[in-house]
Each structure stands twice: as C-alpha cells, then as structure tokens.
C-alpha atoms as a PDB file:
ATOM      1  CA  MET A   1      -3.598  23.346   4.891  1.00  0.00           C
ATOM      2  CA  GLU A   2      -6.040  26.219   4.338  1.00  0.00           C
ATOM      3  CA  ILE A   3      -9.315  25.114   2.754  1.00  0.00           C
ATOM      4  CA  ALA A   4     -11.276  28.369   2.771  1.00  0.00           C
ATOM      5  CA  ARG A   5     -11.249  31.951   4.005  1.00  0.00           C
ATOM      6  CA  PRO A   6     -14.943  32.744   4.623  1.00  0.00           C
ATOM      7  CA  LEU A   7     -14.251  36.105   6.320  1.00  0.00           C
ATOM      8  CA  ALA A   8     -11.435  38.509   5.516  1.00  0.00           C
ATOM      9  CA  GLY A   9     -10.947  42.223   4.993  1.00  0.00           C
ATOM     10  CA  GLU A  10     -14.131  44.292   4.731  1.00  0.00           C
ATOM     11  CA  PRO A  11     -16.586  41.413   5.449  1.00  0.00           C
ATOM     12  CA  PHE A  12     -14.608  40.707   8.643  1.00  0.00           C
ATOM     13  CA  GLU A  13     -15.012  44.344   9.732  1.00  0.00           C
ATOM     14  CA  ARG A  14     -18.713  44.422   8.788  1.00  0.00           C
ATOM     15  CA  THR A  15     -19.278  41.342  10.923  1.00  0.00           C
ATOM     16  CA  ILE A  16     -17.752  43.053  13.957  1.00  0.00           C
ATOM     17  CA  SER A  17     -19.863  46.161  13.281  1.00  0.00           C
ATOM     18  CA  ARG A  18     -23.046  44.070  13.080  1.00  0.00           C
ATOM     19  CA  MET A  19     -22.194  42.353  16.366  1.00  0.00           C
ATOM     20  CA  ALA A  20     -21.597  45.756  18.002  1.00  0.00           C
ATOM     21  CA  HIS A  21     -24.990  46.982  16.761  1.00  0.00           C
ATOM     22  CA  GLU A  22     -26.679  43.853  18.162  1.00  0.00           C
ATOM     23  CA  ILE A  23     -25.055  44.391  21.564  1.00  0.00           C
ATOM     24  CA  ILE A  24     -26.134  48.054  21.609  1.00  0.00           C
ATOM     25  CA  GLU A  25     -29.717  47.111  20.680  1.00  0.00           C
ATOM     26  CA  ALA A  26     -29.839  44.540  23.477  1.00  0.00           C
ATOM     27  CA  HIS A  27     -28.513  47.003  26.066  1.00  0.00           C
ATOM     28  CA  GLU A  28     -30.380  50.307  25.906  1.00  0.00           C
ATOM     29  CA  ASP A  29     -28.175  51.840  28.599  1.00  0.00           C
ATOM     30  CA  CYS A  30     -25.324  51.768  26.068  1.00  0.00           C
ATOM     31  CA  THR A  31     -27.080  54.463  24.064  1.00  0.00           C
ATOM     32  CA  HIS A  32     -27.142  56.837  27.053  1.00  0.00           C
ATOM     33  CA  GLU A  33     -24.177  58.013  29.093  1.00  0.00           C
ATOM     34  CA  ALA A  34     -21.550  55.381  29.898  1.00  0.00           C
ATOM     35  CA  CYS A  35     -22.362  51.668  29.907  1.00  0.00           C
ATOM     36  CA  THR A  36     -21.531  51.543  33.602  1.00  0.00           C
ATOM     37  CA  LYS A  37     -22.932  48.072  34.248  1.00  0.00           C
ATOM     38  CA  VAL A  38     -21.872  46.370  31.003  1.00  0.00           C
ATOM     39  CA  VAL A  39     -18.410  44.898  30.554  1.00  0.00           C
ATOM     40  CA  LEU A  40     -16.987  42.983  27.604  1.00  0.00           C
ATOM     41  CA  VAL A  41     -14.633  40.263  28.857  1.00  0.00           C
ATOM     42  CA  GLY A  42     -12.464  38.588  26.243  1.00  0.00           C
ATOM     43  CA  ILE A  43     -11.163  35.082  26.738  1.00  0.00           C
ATOM     44  CA  ARG A  44      -7.418  35.351  26.410  1.00  0.00           C
ATOM     45  CA  ARG A  45      -6.035  35.692  23.633  1.00  0.00           C
ATOM     46  CA  ARG A  46      -8.087  36.118  20.489  1.00  0.00           C
ATOM     47  CA  GLY A  47     -11.295  36.673  22.444  1.00  0.00           C
ATOM     48  CA  SER A  48      -9.522  39.602  24.063  1.00  0.00           C
ATOM     49  CA  HIS A  49      -8.681  41.080  20.644  1.00  0.00           C
ATOM     50  CA  LEU A  50     -12.312  40.742  19.598  1.00  0.00           C
ATOM     51  CA  ALA A  51     -13.587  42.258  22.879  1.00  0.00           C
ATOM     52  CA  HIS A  52     -11.377  45.328  22.444  1.00  0.00           C
ATOM     53  CA  ARG A  53     -12.523  45.749  18.842  1.00  0.00           C
ATOM     54  CA  LEU A  54     -16.169  45.426  19.833  1.00  0.00           C
ATOM     55  CA  ALA A  55     -15.661  47.988  22.631  1.00  0.00           C
ATOM     56  CA  ARG A  56     -14.118  50.479  20.181  1.00  0.00           C
ATOM     57  CA  ARG A  57     -16.936  49.899  17.683  1.00  0.00           C
ATOM     58  CA  ILE A  58     -19.643  50.258  20.350  1.00  0.00           C
ATOM     59  CA  ALA A  59     -18.053  53.515  21.537  1.00  0.00           C
ATOM     60  CA  ALA A  60     -17.917  54.835  17.956  1.00  0.00           C
ATOM     61  CA  ILE A  61     -21.534  53.886  17.199  1.00  0.00           C
ATOM     62  CA  ALA A  62     -23.196  54.720  20.528  1.00  0.00           C
ATOM     63  CA  GLY A  63     -20.910  57.585  21.467  1.00  0.00           C
ATOM     64  CA  THR A  64     -20.259  56.117  24.899  1.00  0.00           C
ATOM     65  CA  PRO A  65     -17.425  53.973  26.243  1.00  0.00           C
ATOM     66  CA  VAL A  66     -17.920  50.395  27.411  1.00  0.00           C
ATOM     67  CA  ALA A  67     -15.601  48.644  29.858  1.00  0.00           C
ATOM     68  CA  VAL A  68     -13.449  45.856  28.465  1.00  0.00           C
ATOM     69  CA  GLY A  69     -11.364  43.241  30.237  1.00  0.00           C
ATOM     70  CA  THR A  70      -9.454  40.023  29.709  1.00  0.00           C
ATOM     71  CA  LEU A  71      -9.907  36.637  31.348  1.00  0.00           C
ATOM     72  CA  ASP A  72      -7.247  33.931  31.550  1.00  0.00           C
ATOM     73  CA  ILE A  73      -9.017  30.538  31.741  1.00  0.00           C
ATOM     74  CA  THR A  74      -5.873  28.384  31.996  1.00  0.00           C
ATOM     75  CA  LEU A  75      -6.475  27.156  35.549  1.00  0.00           C
ATOM     76  CA  TYR A  76     -10.157  26.461  34.887  1.00  0.00           C
ATOM     77  CA  ARG A  77      -9.648  24.208  31.848  1.00  0.00           C
ATOM     78  CA  ASP A  78     -10.794  20.603  32.230  1.00  0.00           C
ATOM     79  CA  ASP A  79      -7.812  19.336  30.215  1.00  0.00           C
ATOM     80  CA  LEU A  80      -5.134  21.017  32.377  1.00  0.00           C
ATOM     81  CA  ARG A  81      -3.847  17.738  33.838  1.00  0.00           C
ATOM     82  CA  ARG A  82      -3.578  16.078  30.421  1.00  0.00           C
ATOM     83  CA  ARG A  83      -1.467  18.816  28.878  1.00  0.00           C
ATOM     84  CA  ALA A  84       2.225  17.977  28.624  1.00  0.00           C
ATOM     85  CA  ASP A  85       3.410  21.576  28.602  1.00  0.00           C
ATOM     86  CA  SER A  86       3.453  23.841  31.616  1.00  0.00           C
ATOM     87  CA  PRO A  87       0.557  26.279  31.526  1.00  0.00           C
ATOM     88  CA  GLU A  88       1.443  29.882  30.799  1.00  0.00           C
ATOM     89  CA  LEU A  89      -0.561  32.034  33.172  1.00  0.00           C
ATOM     90  CA  VAL A  90      -1.504  35.506  32.051  1.00  0.00           C
ATOM     91  CA  ARG A  91      -3.099  38.113  34.233  1.00  0.00           C
ATOM     92  CA  THR A  92      -6.875  38.468  34.293  1.00  0.00           C
ATOM     93  CA  GLU A  93      -7.928  42.117  34.151  1.00  0.00           C
ATOM     94  CA  ILE A  94     -11.539  43.153  34.751  1.00  0.00           C
ATOM     95  CA  PRO A  95     -11.904  46.961  35.107  1.00  0.00           C
ATOM     96  CA  ILE A  96     -15.213  47.053  36.995  1.00  0.00           C
ATOM     97  CA  ASP A  97     -16.824  45.302  39.941  1.00  0.00           C
ATOM     98  CA  MET A  98     -18.384  42.112  38.587  1.00  0.00           C
ATOM     99  CA  ASN A  99     -21.114  42.040  41.228  1.00  0.00           C
ATOM    100  CA  GLY A 100     -24.366  43.106  39.581  1.00  0.00           C
ATOM    101  CA  ALA A 101     -22.717  43.753  36.212  1.00  0.00           C
ATOM    102  CA  VAL A 102     -23.846  42.472  32.827  1.00  0.00           C
ATOM    103  CA  VAL A 103     -20.870  40.550  31.498  1.00  0.00           C
ATOM    104  CA  ILE A 104     -20.579  39.838  27.803  1.00  0.00           C
ATOM    105  CA  LEU A 105     -18.055  37.034  27.513  1.00  0.00           C
ATOM    106  CA  VAL A 106     -16.239  37.250  24.164  1.00  0.00           C
ATOM    107  CA  ASP A 107     -14.360  34.533  22.270  1.00  0.00           C
ATOM    108  CA  ASP A 108     -13.219  34.060  18.705  1.00  0.00           C
ATOM    109  CA  VAL A 109     -14.578  30.547  18.033  1.00  0.00           C
ATOM    110  CA  LEU A 110     -17.282  28.520  19.764  1.00  0.00           C
ATOM    111  CA  TYR A 111     -16.677  24.809  19.267  1.00  0.00           C
ATOM    112  CA  THR A 112     -17.252  22.199  22.006  1.00  0.00           C
ATOM    113  CA  GLY A 113     -18.195  24.766  24.646  1.00  0.00           C
ATOM    114  CA  ARG A 114     -15.438  23.693  27.031  1.00  0.00           C
ATOM    115  CA  SER A 115     -13.540  27.004  26.891  1.00  0.00           C
ATOM    116  CA  VAL A 116     -16.760  28.866  27.649  1.00  0.00           C
ATOM    117  CA  ARG A 117     -17.467  26.523  30.580  1.00  0.00           C
ATOM    118  CA  ALA A 118     -14.001  27.290  31.950  1.00  0.00           C
ATOM    119  CA  ALA A 119     -14.580  31.013  31.444  1.00  0.00           C
ATOM    120  CA  LEU A 120     -17.911  30.877  33.280  1.00  0.00           C
ATOM    121  CA  GLU A 121     -16.179  29.233  36.223  1.00  0.00           C
ATOM    122  CA  GLY A 122     -13.466  31.905  36.138  1.00  0.00           C
ATOM    123  CA  LEU A 123     -16.000  34.748  36.003  1.00  0.00           C
ATOM    124  CA  ILE A 124     -18.044  33.405  38.884  1.00  0.00           C
ATOM    125  CA  ALA A 125     -14.870  33.091  40.978  1.00  0.00           C
ATOM    126  CA  LEU A 126     -14.463  36.870  40.556  1.00  0.00           C
ATOM    127  CA  GLY A 127     -17.960  37.908  41.630  1.00  0.00           C
ATOM    128  CA  ARG A 128     -21.653  37.527  40.987  1.00  0.00           C
ATOM    129  CA  PRO A 129     -22.705  39.186  37.725  1.00  0.00           C
ATOM    130  CA  ALA A 130     -26.376  40.035  37.186  1.00  0.00           C
ATOM    131  CA  ARG A 131     -26.193  38.264  33.827  1.00  0.00           C
ATOM    132  CA  ILE A 132     -23.589  36.660  31.569  1.00  0.00           C
ATOM    133  CA  GLU A 133     -24.004  36.678  27.801  1.00  0.00           C
ATOM    134  CA  LEU A 134     -21.764  35.186  25.124  1.00  0.00           C
ATOM    135  CA  ALA A 135     -20.490  36.794  21.914  1.00  0.00           C
ATOM    136  CA  VAL A 136     -18.424  34.799  19.406  1.00  0.00           C
ATOM    137  CA  LEU A 137     -17.060  35.681  15.997  1.00  0.00           C
ATOM    138  CA  VAL A 138     -17.551  32.126  14.669  1.00  0.00           C
ATOM    139  CA  ASP A 139     -19.831  29.302  15.807  1.00  0.00           C
ATOM    140  CA  ARG A 140     -18.579  26.117  14.166  1.00  0.00           C
ATOM    141  CA  GLY A 141     -20.930  23.632  15.831  1.00  0.00           C
ATOM    142  CA  HIS A 142     -19.962  20.278  17.407  1.00  0.00           C
ATOM    143  CA  ARG A 143     -21.026  21.280  20.928  1.00  0.00           C
ATOM    144  CA  GLU A 144     -20.230  18.874  23.770  1.00  0.00           C
ATOM    145  CA  LEU A 145     -21.863  21.070  26.422  1.00  0.00           C
ATOM    146  CA  PRO A 146     -25.250  22.844  26.366  1.00  0.00           C
ATOM    147  CA  ILE A 147     -23.848  26.280  25.563  1.00  0.00           C
ATOM    148  CA  ARG A 148     -24.988  28.719  22.876  1.00  0.00           C
ATOM    149  CA  ALA A 149     -23.955  32.237  21.966  1.00  0.00           C
ATOM    150  CA  ASP A 150     -26.197  35.299  22.285  1.00  0.00           C
ATOM    151  CA  TYR A 151     -24.271  37.149  19.552  1.00  0.00           C
ATOM    152  CA  VAL A 152     -22.719  35.274  16.622  1.00  0.00           C
ATOM    153  CA  GLY A 153     -20.711  36.869  13.843  1.00  0.00           C
ATOM    154  CA  LYS A 154     -20.888  33.889  11.509  1.00  0.00           C
ATOM    155  CA  ASN A 155     -22.200  30.336  11.754  1.00  0.00           C
ATOM    156  CA  LEU A 156     -19.650  28.195   9.973  1.00  0.00           C
ATOM    157  CA  PRO A 157     -20.424  24.457  10.066  1.00  0.00           C
ATOM    158  CA  THR A 158     -17.274  22.337   9.950  1.00  0.00           C
ATOM    159  CA  THR A 159     -16.326  18.695  10.033  1.00  0.00           C
ATOM    160  CA  PRO A 160     -14.244  17.160  12.832  1.00  0.00           C
ATOM    161  CA  ALA A 161     -11.375  16.960  10.302  1.00  0.00           C
ATOM    162  CA  GLU A 162     -11.311  20.770  10.053  1.00  0.00           C
ATOM    163  CA  THR A 163     -10.384  23.565  12.414  1.00  0.00           C
ATOM    164  CA  ILE A 164     -10.981  27.315  12.426  1.00  0.00           C
ATOM    165  CA  ARG A 165      -8.175  29.826  12.852  1.00  0.00           C
ATOM    166  CA  VAL A 166      -9.027  33.476  13.419  1.00  0.00           C
ATOM    167  CA  ARG A 167      -6.204  35.797  12.461  1.00  0.00           C
ATOM    168  CA  PHE A 168      -5.917  39.258  13.994  1.00  0.00           C
ATOM    169  CA  THR A 169      -3.414  41.921  12.999  1.00  0.00           C
ATOM    170  CA  GLU A 170      -2.805  42.399  16.747  1.00  0.00           C
ATOM    171  CA  ASP A 171      -0.943  39.066  16.611  1.00  0.00           C
ATOM    172  CA  GLY A 172       1.293  40.242  13.765  1.00  0.00           C
ATOM    173  CA  GLU A 173      -0.867  38.757  11.004  1.00  0.00           C
ATOM    174  CA  THR A 174      -0.951  40.610   7.671  1.00  0.00           C
ATOM    175  CA  GLU A 175      -4.766  40.694   7.634  1.00  0.00           C
ATOM    176  CA  ASP A 176      -7.788  39.944   9.780  1.00  0.00           C
ATOM    177  CA  ALA A 177      -9.328  36.704   8.587  1.00  0.00           C
ATOM    178  CA  VAL A 178     -11.268  33.589   9.514  1.00  0.00           C
ATOM    179  CA  CYS A 179      -9.641  30.543   7.922  1.00  0.00           C
ATOM    180  CA  VAL A 180     -10.864  26.967   7.672  1.00  0.00           C
ATOM    181  CA  LEU A 181      -7.928  24.573   7.906  1.00  0.00           C
ATOM    182  CA  ALA A 182      -7.694  20.844   7.290  1.00  0.00           C
ATOM    183  CA  LEU A 183      -6.275  18.967  10.229  1.00  0.00           C
ATOM    184  CA  PRO A 184      -3.334  16.729   9.342  1.00  0.00           C
ATOM    185  CA  ALA A 185      -4.287  13.068   9.008  1.00  0.00           C
ATOM    186  CA  GLU A 186      -3.061  10.864  11.830  1.00  0.00           C
ATOM    187  CA  GLY A 187       0.624  10.161  11.360  1.00  0.00           C
ATOM    188  CA  GLU A 188       1.212  13.300   9.242  1.00  0.00           C
ATOM    189  CA  ALA A 189       3.176  16.235  10.558  1.00  0.00           C
END
C-alpha cells in the first residue's frame, strides 16, 4: 500500500537536474570538451535508467557528452545462494576502458549498502578505476555496510516496515515518481 509520494513530476526532474549540476561541479573536465575519463555506470535496472537520464542532463547543461554504461550485479550479490528463483543475467555494458577512469556508480535507492558492495566488486573485476563515486536518487538509511553516497537526490528516512519504489516511465509507468510503500505484515499477501 502506498503511504506517500515524496517525489513526482517536476520535483523529480528538478532533483535529477540538481544531481547533474553537482556532478559537473565536482568534475571540471566535464565543462570542457568530452568527459573522456568520467563514466556513469547504472546498476541494472533502475540505476541504469537514472544513469542515462543524468548523462542526458549533463550533456544538455555542460554541452559535452559523458559516457554511460550498465552493470549487472546478479553474480556478485551476497544473497545469490538463498534466492529460490534462477538469476536472470543481463549483459554488463561499459563503453570505455575502466582503467584510470572516474566511475560514478548510479542506483535508484541506497538502503543497506549490499547492492553497492556487489557493484563495487563487479566494477573492480572489470578494471582498476582511478576513483569510484556513488550517486543515488534516494538514500533511505538503515545501512548495514559502511557505504555513503557522494551525490544524493533526496534523503528519505524510512522505517523497516516501509520500502521505497522508484517508478520510471522507461519501465512503462505513467509517471516518474518515488513512492513510499508499506510492507505487508507477516502472513498477509
């Protein structure tokens, strides 16, 4: 059940624009020629949507393209053995050489930090970046690992009985939105 919709429509878009501005300010080379050593890498699936949107916004603001890729973390997850379903593997696509690059890892929601840990392992398996930064649309707290984001769209404290769902039109949703949902009580469907 949806409890709240703290970001939707124009505020959602403004948040992405602000994040793009913060990334540009932190990387001066993105204001000159192409950002040849910066790559946005979205964690599949919604992180990928956000990474592509940030790349388009950075290009529009700075007037220069930035590389964007997608990372599948399925095989790096620490809960892979406990999952009953067979993992669906999707191709990882990184358009530049990771060695010496500045990688901005992008995800929709930062929660326990376990997805980011898996993504870091996946990135390092592909090369040795000069630096890895983290950009998230929503930081909801409840970290289990010592991970924090460099760029945060919105801090949205939640309880363990809640979850965050980010909706993107790329997934067939009618609008872009961040929704707070109540988790069903144990025994409820």
